[in-house]
């Protein structure tokens, strides 16, 4: 029996996009206790239980930016295109997409698709969604996905065109990110009306998450569990389970115990130190795949001494990435030399990476005026792996005289606090969900992303211009070299220390078939069956 599954995603290039142009008890839906197994032993039906570390923060894909929320949203809503297991673009709500002019993309949409509220999916709905993401009132942290869109034209009910400021090859890839999920236009209209009456954007949508997906929202008890039901009128082949319950189980060992006893069918994450235990348990499997993701140590560049580039460089130069990979990640994952890995176009090994050099770090710190070091804090959320990384970082920085306290914060509060800039240093990650360097580099470092994805508060006109030039460049080789230069610039400025690209490690219970995760760590539950 194969106990673990290791997947390796290929590099997603712009050429690939163009080539595809043609184309606590365990609650059930009624609140009672469920065994999670269909009594008849059938592989159809039943309640699929997913035990997760962190709860969703929002069911509005346009105003949230965290993977736990995306894991729920991606099963309620759908995007125009999607990635398969090899990070290749495939049709979803759009049947085909074509660059009819250098600066115009046309999408042909599926017919006979309806939202959970019975309203029709059409080009007007797509237009309303993209316009909402771009609306400054929405304050979407994902606006960077579409900010180059200049004009949206509805040709007919199932044809829509996007005119961009400049030729923009990655637009189909951006349409595959779960943040571009399509919400019912009626719900968007109701949310806009609620905003006019004083509500925050997304408040109505969070209570009424209506998409076209194979599951529909049933109920949510924040901090405990969230339930989705099989949407029987789904336009394609229906999902195989009756319900999905996302149950919040913060304790790592408790999640493993629930997998072992069958109380949970899937658990996420499995910490690397627990991988062998899951692999050796009778009837369970470890699902492991390389991640389109980056884990990093970020610096608040608005605070002293992190407004000094030499201090940031010194810290980045002190960190022992190999100790992180071998001592904490048990050999999983890979050391980062920049913000992206080979799952994304724009990656190259030909960058000037930062190597560990403790003596050189001491010299930089002294040059910056901190020869005796200083005291500071590292913030992290309640994730054992990140706490371990924080502790290892704490030990490493003591070598150059930096005294570090670690502050552990609950997930939702952590996102709010780092968005508001309350932190000094912090450990966080980003999923590289579009398969192209344009998105993560904009999300993490562009001036327009300050206060959302840009939690290091980097505002650099030179770098902003580098990103703009790279996103409109049409020659692929030239564009690749531009991202090499952008990565070198980031390593020089060191707004963050790029630590590693983790492996996604999840546990899958006995009798569960058809589960996989995309490279961003987003669950694919449509074809899952349970015995």
Protein backbone atom coordinates (compact mmCIF):
# COMPACT_ATOMS: atom_id res chain seq x y z
CA UNK A 1 0.00 0.00 0.00
CA UNK A 2 1.38 3.41 -0.93
CA UNK A 3 1.46 5.46 2.29
CA UNK A 4 2.26 8.86 0.85
CA UNK A 5 1.73 10.71 -2.36
CA UNK A 6 4.40 13.09 -3.62
CA UNK A 7 3.44 15.35 -6.47
CA UNK A 8 5.70 17.64 -8.39
CA UNK A 9 4.02 20.50 -10.25
CA UNK A 10 5.60 21.76 -13.42
CA UNK A 11 6.50 25.32 -14.25
CA UNK A 12 3.51 27.25 -15.51
CA UNK A 13 4.60 29.58 -18.26
CA UNK A 14 2.79 32.24 -20.19
CA UNK A 15 3.28 30.18 -23.31
CA UNK A 16 1.31 27.39 -21.64
CA UNK A 17 -1.55 29.80 -20.97
CA UNK A 18 -1.63 30.82 -24.61
CA UNK A 19 -1.41 27.23 -25.78
CA UNK A 20 -4.63 26.45 -23.95
CA UNK A 21 -6.61 29.26 -25.56
CA UNK A 22 -8.97 26.77 -27.24
CA UNK A 23 -10.08 25.38 -24.85
CA UNK A 24 -16.63 18.71 21.02
CA UNK A 25 -18.67 16.31 18.98
CA UNK A 26 -18.59 15.92 15.26
CA UNK A 27 -21.49 17.99 13.91
CA UNK A 28 -23.57 16.89 10.94
CA UNK A 29 -25.73 19.20 8.88
CA UNK A 30 -28.56 18.84 11.38
CA UNK A 31 -26.32 19.32 14.39
CA UNK A 32 -26.34 15.68 15.47
CA UNK A 33 -23.30 13.48 15.95
CA UNK A 34 -22.15 11.58 12.86
CA UNK A 35 -19.74 8.75 12.38
CA UNK A 36 -18.66 10.19 9.01
CA UNK A 37 -19.25 6.83 7.30
CA UNK A 38 -22.15 5.83 5.11
CA UNK A 39 -23.83 2.89 6.86
CA UNK A 40 -24.24 0.92 3.68
CA UNK A 41 -20.54 1.14 2.86
CA UNK A 42 -21.29 2.97 -0.40
CA UNK A 43 -18.76 5.33 -1.94
CA UNK A 44 -21.55 7.85 -2.57
CA UNK A 45 -22.91 10.16 0.10
CA UNK A 46 -21.94 10.65 3.72
CA UNK A 47 -20.48 13.59 5.62
CA UNK A 48 -16.87 14.34 4.74
CA UNK A 49 -15.13 15.74 7.81
CA UNK A 50 -12.04 17.91 7.32
CA UNK A 51 -10.21 18.81 10.53
CA UNK A 52 -8.28 22.05 10.07
CA UNK A 53 -5.88 24.13 12.13
CA UNK A 54 -7.49 27.49 11.38
CA UNK A 55 -11.03 28.62 10.72
CA UNK A 56 -12.00 30.70 7.71
CA UNK A 57 -12.03 34.43 8.38
CA UNK A 58 -14.54 35.32 5.67
CA UNK A 59 -16.71 33.73 2.97
CA UNK A 60 -16.23 36.71 0.66
CA UNK A 61 -13.40 35.79 -1.73
CA UNK A 62 -12.91 39.39 -2.83
CA UNK A 63 -12.18 40.88 0.60
CA UNK A 64 -10.22 38.07 2.26
CA UNK A 65 -6.68 36.89 1.58
CA UNK A 66 -6.01 33.77 3.63
CA UNK A 67 -5.86 30.13 2.54
CA UNK A 68 -8.18 28.78 5.28
CA UNK A 69 -10.91 31.01 3.85
CA UNK A 70 -9.95 30.07 0.31
CA UNK A 71 -10.33 26.39 1.10
CA UNK A 72 -14.00 26.94 1.92
CA UNK A 73 -14.64 29.52 -0.78
CA UNK A 74 -13.23 27.36 -3.57
CA UNK A 75 -15.91 24.76 -2.87
CA UNK A 76 -18.78 27.29 -2.91
CA UNK A 77 -17.67 29.49 -5.79
CA UNK A 78 -15.93 28.88 -9.10
CA UNK A 79 -13.54 30.77 -11.33
CA UNK A 80 -13.55 31.20 -15.11
CA UNK A 81 -10.56 28.90 -15.54
CA UNK A 82 -8.74 26.49 -13.23
CA UNK A 83 -5.44 24.69 -12.79
CA UNK A 84 -5.14 20.92 -12.96
CA UNK A 85 -2.72 18.83 -10.91
CA UNK A 86 0.15 19.82 -13.21
CA UNK A 87 -0.58 23.56 -12.92
CA UNK A 88 -1.96 23.67 -16.46
CA UNK A 89 -4.91 25.94 -17.20
CA UNK A 90 -8.23 24.29 -18.01
CA UNK A 91 -11.76 25.61 -18.71
CA UNK A 92 -14.24 25.98 -15.85
CA UNK A 93 -16.94 28.68 -16.08
CA UNK A 94 -15.28 29.84 -19.28
CA UNK A 95 -15.14 27.34 -22.14
CA UNK A 96 -12.39 29.16 -24.03
CA UNK A 97 -10.34 32.36 -23.94
CA UNK A 98 -8.61 34.15 -26.79
CA UNK A 99 -6.40 37.24 -27.14
CA UNK A 100 -8.37 38.82 -29.99
CA UNK A 101 -6.09 41.87 -29.90
CA UNK A 102 -2.79 42.57 -28.18
CA UNK A 103 -4.61 44.28 -25.33
CA UNK A 104 -7.99 42.50 -25.43
CA UNK A 105 -8.85 39.07 -24.02
CA UNK A 106 -12.20 37.50 -24.89
CA UNK A 107 -13.81 34.79 -22.75
CA UNK A 108 -16.60 32.53 -23.95
CA UNK A 109 -18.69 31.49 -20.96
CA UNK A 110 -20.61 28.29 -20.28
CA UNK A 111 -24.34 28.33 -20.81
CA UNK A 112 -26.99 26.77 -18.56
CA UNK A 113 -25.06 27.54 -15.37
CA UNK A 114 -27.00 28.82 -12.36
CA UNK A 115 -26.06 30.16 -8.96
CA UNK A 116 -27.26 28.54 -5.77
CA UNK A 117 -29.99 31.22 -5.53
CA UNK A 118 -31.36 30.25 -8.95
CA UNK A 119 -30.06 33.32 -10.80
CA UNK A 120 -28.28 32.80 -14.11
CA UNK A 121 -24.53 32.90 -14.52
CA UNK A 122 -23.72 35.20 -17.44
CA UNK A 123 -21.38 37.91 -18.65
CA UNK A 124 -23.13 40.58 -16.58
CA UNK A 125 -22.33 38.58 -13.45
CA UNK A 126 -18.67 38.29 -14.43
CA UNK A 127 -18.50 42.03 -15.13
CA UNK A 128 -20.07 42.83 -11.76
CA UNK A 129 -17.54 40.62 -9.96
CA UNK A 130 -14.43 42.07 -11.56
CA UNK A 131 -15.75 45.61 -11.15
CA UNK A 132 -16.37 44.89 -7.46
CA UNK A 133 -12.80 43.68 -6.99
CA UNK A 134 -11.53 46.87 -8.63
CA UNK A 135 -13.91 49.19 -6.77
CA UNK A 136 -11.94 51.24 -4.22
CA UNK A 137 -14.93 51.04 -1.86
CA UNK A 138 -14.48 47.27 -1.68
CA UNK A 139 -10.82 47.75 -0.72
CA UNK A 140 -10.06 44.28 -2.04
CA UNK A 141 -6.58 42.99 -1.21
CA UNK A 142 -6.82 41.16 -4.56
CA UNK A 143 -7.36 44.23 -6.73
CA UNK A 144 -3.83 43.80 -8.04
CA UNK A 145 -5.07 40.80 -10.01
CA UNK A 146 -7.08 43.04 -12.31
CA UNK A 147 -5.79 46.58 -11.85
CA UNK A 148 -4.40 46.52 -15.39
CA UNK A 149 -7.94 45.99 -16.76
CA UNK A 150 -9.03 49.25 -18.38
CA UNK A 151 -12.45 48.33 -19.79
CA UNK A 152 -14.91 45.44 -19.50
CA UNK A 153 -17.34 44.87 -22.36
CA UNK A 154 -20.28 42.48 -22.37
CA UNK A 155 -20.63 41.28 -25.97
CA UNK A 156 -23.61 39.01 -25.30
CA UNK A 157 -24.91 36.89 -22.42
CA UNK A 158 -22.01 34.49 -22.64
CA UNK A 159 -19.18 36.52 -24.18
CA UNK A 160 -17.11 39.10 -22.32
CA UNK A 161 -14.01 41.08 -23.23
CA UNK A 162 -11.32 42.63 -21.04
CA UNK A 163 -9.26 45.48 -22.45
CA UNK A 164 -6.01 46.03 -20.58
CA UNK A 165 -3.81 49.11 -20.32
CA UNK A 166 -1.04 47.18 -22.03
CA UNK A 167 -0.80 43.66 -23.49
CA UNK A 168 -1.12 41.36 -20.49
CA UNK A 169 -0.49 37.66 -21.10
CA UNK A 170 -1.11 36.46 -17.49
CA UNK A 171 -4.78 37.52 -17.39
CA UNK A 172 -6.15 33.95 -17.83
CA UNK A 173 -3.84 32.78 -15.02
CA UNK A 174 -5.22 35.53 -12.79
CA UNK A 175 -8.73 34.32 -13.59
CA UNK A 176 -7.76 30.95 -12.08
CA UNK A 177 -6.99 32.36 -8.63
CA UNK A 178 -9.76 31.63 -6.12
CA UNK A 179 -9.86 35.35 -5.28
CA UNK A 180 -11.48 35.86 -8.70
CA UNK A 181 -14.37 33.55 -7.75
CA UNK A 182 -17.72 34.54 -9.21
CA UNK A 183 -20.43 35.57 -6.74
CA UNK A 184 -24.12 35.88 -7.64
CA UNK A 185 -24.78 39.35 -9.08
CA UNK A 186 -27.94 39.61 -6.97
CA UNK A 187 -25.84 39.08 -3.85
CA UNK A 188 -23.27 41.64 -4.99
CA UNK A 189 -26.08 44.16 -5.55
CA UNK A 190 -27.43 43.45 -2.06
CA UNK A 191 -23.95 43.82 -0.56
CA UNK A 192 -23.48 47.16 -2.34
CA UNK A 193 -26.80 48.35 -0.95
CA UNK A 194 -25.76 47.27 2.54
CA UNK A 195 -22.51 49.24 2.16
CA UNK A 196 -24.50 52.33 1.24
CA UNK A 197 -26.43 51.83 4.48
CA UNK A 198 -23.25 51.72 6.54
CA UNK A 199 -22.13 48.06 6.51
CA UNK A 200 -18.59 47.01 5.68
CA UNK A 201 -18.01 45.54 2.20
CA UNK A 202 -18.59 41.80 2.26
CA UNK A 203 -20.86 41.75 5.31
CA UNK A 204 -23.91 40.66 3.32
CA UNK A 205 -21.89 38.24 1.18
CA UNK A 206 -20.36 36.66 4.27
CA UNK A 207 -23.89 35.81 5.44
CA UNK A 208 -25.09 34.87 1.95
CA UNK A 209 -22.22 33.18 0.08
CA UNK A 210 -23.88 32.29 -3.22
CA UNK A 211 -21.77 30.82 -6.00
CA UNK A 212 -22.03 28.25 -8.79
CA UNK A 213 -20.00 25.53 -7.05
CA UNK A 214 -20.81 21.89 -6.40
CA UNK A 215 -21.34 22.66 -2.70
CA UNK A 216 -23.56 25.33 -1.17
CA UNK A 217 -23.36 27.00 2.21
CA UNK A 218 -25.37 25.49 5.08
CA UNK A 219 -24.13 26.96 8.38
CA UNK A 220 -21.11 28.34 10.20
CA UNK A 221 -20.28 28.43 13.87
CA UNK A 222 -17.09 30.54 13.84
CA UNK A 223 -14.21 28.96 15.67
CA UNK A 224 -15.88 25.54 15.71
CA UNK A 225 -17.25 24.25 12.39
CA UNK A 226 -18.63 25.16 9.00
CA UNK A 227 -20.94 22.95 6.90
CA UNK A 228 -21.49 22.80 3.14
CA UNK A 229 -24.19 20.78 1.39
CA UNK A 230 -24.06 19.03 -1.97
CA UNK A 231 -25.69 21.38 -4.50
CA UNK A 232 -28.02 19.03 -6.35
CA UNK A 233 -28.66 21.45 -9.24
CA UNK A 234 -24.96 21.85 -10.03
CA UNK A 235 -24.37 22.38 -13.76
CA UNK A 236 -21.81 19.56 -14.05
CA UNK A 237 -21.29 16.20 -12.42
CA UNK A 238 -22.33 16.40 -8.79
CA UNK A 239 -19.97 15.97 -5.87
CA UNK A 240 -20.10 12.50 -4.35
CA UNK A 241 -20.53 13.29 -0.65
CA UNK A 242 -23.69 14.74 0.87
CA UNK A 243 -21.99 17.28 3.09
CA UNK A 244 -18.58 18.63 4.01
CA UNK A 245 -17.86 19.71 7.57
CA UNK A 246 -14.78 21.85 8.14
CA UNK A 247 -14.04 21.38 11.83
CA UNK A 248 -11.54 23.62 13.62
CA UNK A 249 -9.07 21.51 15.63
CA UNK A 250 -6.14 23.71 16.68
CA UNK A 251 -4.13 20.96 18.41
CA UNK A 252 -1.86 19.03 16.04
CA UNK A 253 -1.95 15.76 17.95
CA UNK A 254 -5.72 15.95 18.35
CA UNK A 255 -6.12 16.19 14.58
CA UNK A 256 -3.92 13.11 14.16
CA UNK A 257 -5.90 11.22 16.78
CA UNK A 258 -9.14 12.08 14.97
CA UNK A 259 -7.68 10.78 11.71
CA UNK A 260 -6.61 7.59 13.41
CA UNK A 261 -10.03 6.96 15.00
CA UNK A 262 -11.97 7.93 11.87
CA UNK A 263 -13.55 11.01 13.47
CA UNK A 264 -12.00 13.03 10.64
CA UNK A 265 -11.45 11.89 7.06
CA UNK A 266 -8.87 14.55 6.11
CA UNK A 267 -6.63 16.62 8.39
CA UNK A 268 -4.62 19.73 7.54
CA UNK A 269 -1.90 20.40 8.27
CA UNK A 270 0.21 17.48 9.36
CA UNK A 271 3.38 18.88 10.85
CA UNK A 272 6.55 17.47 9.26
CA UNK A 273 7.59 15.99 12.61
CA UNK A 274 4.35 14.00 12.62
CA UNK A 275 4.66 12.74 9.04
CA UNK A 276 6.10 9.34 9.96
CA UNK A 277 3.34 8.75 12.47
CA UNK A 278 0.65 9.34 9.86
CA UNK A 279 2.45 7.20 7.30
CA UNK A 280 2.72 4.32 9.74
CA UNK A 281 -0.83 4.37 11.05
CA UNK A 282 -3.00 1.54 9.79
CA UNK A 283 -5.26 2.60 6.94
CA UNK A 284 -4.13 6.24 6.66
CA UNK A 285 -2.04 8.03 4.07
CA UNK A 286 0.02 11.18 4.08
CA UNK A 287 -0.73 13.46 1.16
CA UNK A 288 2.42 15.44 0.37
CA UNK A 289 3.04 17.76 -2.54
CA UNK A 290 5.40 20.58 -3.37
CA UNK A 291 3.81 23.92 -2.68
CA UNK A 292 3.30 27.01 -4.75
CA UNK A 293 3.90 28.88 -1.53
CA UNK A 294 6.53 30.90 0.30
CA UNK A 295 7.15 31.10 4.05
CA UNK A 296 9.04 34.21 5.07
CA UNK A 297 10.25 36.36 7.96
CA UNK A 298 8.93 39.84 7.26
CA UNK A 299 10.22 43.15 8.62
CA UNK A 300 8.05 46.16 9.43
CA UNK A 301 9.96 48.72 7.36
CA UNK A 302 8.01 51.55 9.01
CA UNK A 303 9.62 50.81 12.39
CA UNK A 304 13.17 51.27 13.64
CA UNK A 305 15.54 49.56 13.24
CA UNK A 306 13.91 47.75 10.33
CA UNK A 307 13.82 50.94 8.30
CA UNK A 308 17.56 50.37 7.89
CA UNK A 309 18.44 48.09 4.99
CA UNK A 310 21.68 46.96 6.65
CA UNK A 311 19.77 45.63 9.66
CA UNK A 312 17.41 43.69 7.41
CA UNK A 313 20.31 42.28 5.42
CA UNK A 314 22.13 41.26 8.60
CA UNK A 315 19.13 39.33 9.88
CA UNK A 316 18.56 37.62 6.53
CA UNK A 317 22.24 36.69 6.46
CA UNK A 318 22.10 35.11 9.94
CA UNK A 319 19.19 32.72 9.45
CA UNK A 320 20.00 29.02 9.09
CA UNK A 321 17.59 27.73 6.43
CA UNK A 322 19.16 24.27 6.35
CA UNK A 323 18.51 23.88 10.07
CA UNK A 324 14.91 24.86 9.42
CA UNK A 325 14.50 22.31 6.64
CA UNK A 326 16.27 19.45 8.39
CA UNK A 327 15.53 20.14 12.03
CA UNK A 328 11.94 21.37 11.83
CA UNK A 329 10.59 20.32 8.43
CA UNK A 330 12.21 16.88 8.59
CA UNK A 331 13.69 17.25 5.13
CA UNK A 332 10.47 18.34 3.43
CA UNK A 333 10.25 21.62 1.53
CA UNK A 334 13.08 23.52 -0.12
CA UNK A 335 15.15 26.56 0.80
CA UNK A 336 13.97 29.79 -0.80
CA UNK A 337 16.26 32.03 -2.83
CA UNK A 338 13.47 34.48 -3.58
CA UNK A 339 9.68 34.82 -3.28
CA UNK A 340 8.78 32.14 -5.84
CA UNK A 341 9.81 28.61 -6.72
CA UNK A 342 9.66 26.57 -9.91
CA UNK A 343 5.87 26.23 -9.75
CA UNK A 344 5.73 29.82 -11.04
CA UNK A 345 6.88 31.51 -14.22
CA UNK A 346 9.60 33.97 -13.30
CA UNK A 347 11.65 31.57 -11.20
CA UNK A 348 15.33 31.15 -11.98
CA UNK A 349 18.26 29.76 -10.04
CA UNK A 350 20.36 32.54 -11.59
CA UNK A 351 19.74 35.01 -8.79
CA UNK A 352 22.09 36.53 -6.23
CA UNK A 353 20.75 34.72 -3.20
CA UNK A 354 21.67 35.56 0.39
CA UNK A 355 23.98 32.99 1.99
CA UNK A 356 24.40 32.42 5.73
CA UNK A 357 27.34 34.46 7.04
CA UNK A 358 27.16 35.24 10.76
CA UNK A 359 30.41 37.23 10.86
CA UNK A 360 29.34 39.27 7.86
CA UNK A 361 26.00 39.88 9.55
CA UNK A 362 27.74 41.23 12.66
CA UNK A 363 29.72 43.63 10.48
CA UNK A 364 26.55 44.87 8.76
CA UNK A 365 24.82 45.35 12.10
CA UNK A 366 27.78 47.36 13.43
CA UNK A 367 27.84 49.45 10.28
CA UNK A 368 24.16 50.22 10.85
CA UNK A 369 24.98 51.47 14.37
CA UNK A 370 23.82 48.40 16.29
CA UNK A 371 27.10 46.75 17.19
CA UNK A 372 25.62 45.82 20.58
CA UNK A 373 22.44 44.48 19.00
CA UNK A 374 18.92 45.40 20.10
CA UNK A 375 15.70 43.90 21.47
CA UNK A 376 12.68 43.16 19.33
CA UNK A 377 9.78 40.76 18.79
CA UNK A 378 8.75 38.12 16.29
CA UNK A 379 5.02 37.67 15.79
CA UNK A 380 3.54 34.42 14.58
CA UNK A 381 0.18 32.70 14.57
CA UNK A 382 -0.71 29.59 16.56
CA UNK A 383 0.91 27.15 14.13
CA UNK A 384 3.46 24.75 15.64
CA UNK A 385 5.73 24.81 12.60
CA UNK A 386 5.88 28.61 12.57
CA UNK A 387 6.41 28.74 16.33
CA UNK A 388 9.34 26.33 15.91
CA UNK A 389 10.73 28.51 13.11
CA UNK A 390 10.37 31.56 15.35
CA UNK A 391 12.29 29.81 18.13
CA UNK A 392 15.09 28.78 15.75
CA UNK A 393 15.22 32.35 14.42
CA UNK A 394 15.36 33.61 18.00
CA UNK A 395 18.39 31.40 18.65
CA UNK A 396 20.12 32.41 15.41
CA UNK A 397 19.69 36.13 16.01
CA UNK A 398 21.16 35.83 19.50
CA UNK A 399 24.44 35.07 17.71
CA UNK A 400 24.58 38.66 16.50
CA UNK A 401 23.30 40.26 19.69
CA UNK A 402 19.61 40.59 18.79
CA UNK A 403 17.35 39.63 21.68
CA UNK A 404 13.98 38.35 20.48
CA UNK A 405 10.68 37.78 22.26
CA UNK A 406 8.09 35.63 20.48
CA UNK A 407 4.46 36.68 20.42
CA UNK A 408 1.92 34.02 19.40
CA UNK A 409 -1.44 35.35 18.22
CA UNK A 410 -4.70 33.65 17.13
CA UNK A 411 -5.05 33.49 13.34
CA UNK A 412 -7.73 36.12 12.71
CA UNK A 413 -6.24 38.59 15.18
CA UNK A 414 -2.80 37.91 13.71
CA UNK A 415 -3.92 38.88 10.21
CA UNK A 416 -5.57 42.05 11.54
CA UNK A 417 -2.54 43.05 13.62
CA UNK A 418 0.03 42.53 10.85
CA UNK A 419 -2.21 44.35 8.38
CA UNK A 420 -2.34 47.28 10.81
CA UNK A 421 1.44 47.27 11.26
CA UNK A 422 1.53 46.47 14.97
CA UNK A 423 4.38 43.99 14.57
CA UNK A 424 8.17 44.26 14.42
CA UNK A 425 9.10 41.03 12.64
CA UNK A 426 6.60 38.34 11.69
CA UNK A 427 6.43 34.89 10.12
CA UNK A 428 3.82 34.32 7.45
CA UNK A 429 3.34 32.72 4.06
CA UNK A 430 1.67 33.37 0.74
CA UNK A 431 0.22 30.96 -1.77
CA UNK A 432 1.54 31.61 -5.27
CA UNK A 433 -1.83 30.92 -6.77
CA UNK A 434 -1.61 32.24 -10.33
CA UNK A 435 1.48 30.35 -11.46
CA UNK A 436 3.12 33.65 -12.42
CA UNK A 437 5.52 35.91 -10.52
CA UNK A 438 3.40 38.97 -11.25
CA UNK A 439 0.86 38.16 -8.54
CA UNK A 440 3.05 37.31 -5.52
CA UNK A 441 5.49 40.13 -6.18
CA UNK A 442 2.65 42.64 -6.43
CA UNK A 443 0.86 41.16 -3.42
CA UNK A 444 3.89 41.17 -1.13
CA UNK A 445 5.81 44.28 -2.20
CA UNK A 446 3.90 46.72 -4.41
CA UNK A 447 3.03 50.09 -2.88
CA UNK A 448 -0.64 49.59 -3.73
CA UNK A 449 -0.71 46.46 -1.55
CA UNK A 450 0.39 48.21 1.66
CA UNK A 451 -2.20 47.43 4.31
CA UNK A 452 -3.25 44.16 2.68
CA UNK A 453 -0.73 41.64 1.34
CA UNK A 454 2.19 44.03 1.75
CA UNK A 455 2.69 43.67 5.51
CA UNK A 456 6.34 44.76 5.31
CA UNK A 457 5.16 48.24 4.26
CA UNK A 458 7.57 48.45 1.35
CA UNK A 459 6.89 51.51 -0.82
CA UNK A 460 9.50 51.67 -3.55
CA UNK A 461 8.78 53.48 -6.81
CA UNK A 462 11.73 51.82 -8.54
CA UNK A 463 10.48 48.35 -7.71
CA UNK A 464 6.88 49.28 -8.60
CA UNK A 465 8.11 50.30 -12.04
CA UNK A 466 10.09 47.08 -12.42
CA UNK A 467 6.91 45.10 -11.78
CA UNK A 468 4.91 47.15 -14.26
CA UNK A 469 7.53 46.73 -16.97
CA UNK A 470 7.66 42.97 -16.38
CA UNK A 471 3.89 42.45 -16.45
CA UNK A 472 3.51 44.10 -19.88
CA UNK A 473 6.59 42.55 -21.52
CA UNK A 474 5.51 40.13 -24.24
CA UNK A 475 8.79 38.33 -24.95
CA UNK A 476 8.94 35.44 -22.52
CA UNK A 477 12.73 35.22 -22.26
CA UNK A 478 13.03 38.95 -21.66
CA UNK A 479 10.26 38.82 -19.10
CA UNK A 480 11.96 35.97 -17.24
CA UNK A 481 15.18 37.96 -16.99
CA UNK A 482 13.19 40.93 -15.66
CA UNK A 483 11.98 38.78 -12.77
CA UNK A 484 15.55 37.66 -12.10
CA UNK A 485 16.46 41.33 -11.77
CA UNK A 486 13.42 41.96 -9.58
CA UNK A 487 14.42 39.08 -7.27
CA UNK A 488 17.97 40.40 -7.06
CA UNK A 489 16.56 43.82 -6.14
CA UNK A 490 14.47 42.26 -3.38
CA UNK A 491 17.43 40.34 -1.97
CA UNK A 492 19.40 43.59 -1.92
CA UNK A 493 16.63 45.57 -0.19
CA UNK A 494 15.64 42.62 2.04
CA UNK A 495 12.09 43.67 2.98
CA UNK A 496 11.81 40.09 4.19
CA UNK A 497 13.98 37.03 4.58
CA UNK A 498 12.82 34.32 2.20
CA UNK A 499 12.92 31.15 4.29
CA UNK A 500 11.53 28.15 2.44
CA UNK A 501 8.88 26.77 0.13
CA UNK A 502 7.06 24.24 2.31
CA UNK A 503 5.55 20.98 1.24
CA UNK A 504 1.81 20.71 1.77
CA UNK A 505 1.33 17.77 4.15
CA UNK A 506 -2.15 16.50 4.91
CA UNK A 507 -3.52 13.29 6.35
CA UNK A 508 -6.09 11.19 4.49
CA UNK A 509 -8.11 8.53 6.30
CA UNK A 510 -9.05 5.00 5.36
CA UNK A 511 -11.71 4.71 2.66
CA UNK A 512 -11.17 8.23 1.30
CA UNK A 513 -10.59 8.37 -2.45
CA UNK A 514 -10.34 11.18 -4.99
CA UNK A 515 -8.79 13.85 -2.78
CA UNK A 516 -6.06 16.14 -3.96
CA UNK A 517 -4.79 19.63 -3.28
CA UNK A 518 -3.61 22.20 -5.75
CA UNK A 519 -0.16 23.70 -5.42
CA UNK A 520 -1.56 26.53 -3.29
CA UNK A 521 -2.84 24.05 -0.74
CA UNK A 522 -6.49 24.51 -1.71
CA UNK A 523 -8.55 21.34 -1.27
CA UNK A 524 -10.17 19.71 -4.29
CA UNK A 525 -13.20 17.92 -2.85
CA UNK A 526 -15.57 17.44 -5.79
CA UNK A 527 -14.48 13.89 -6.60
CA UNK A 528 -13.90 12.71 -3.04
CA UNK A 529 -15.70 9.57 -1.95
CA UNK A 530 -15.77 7.94 1.48
CA UNK A 531 -16.41 4.34 2.41
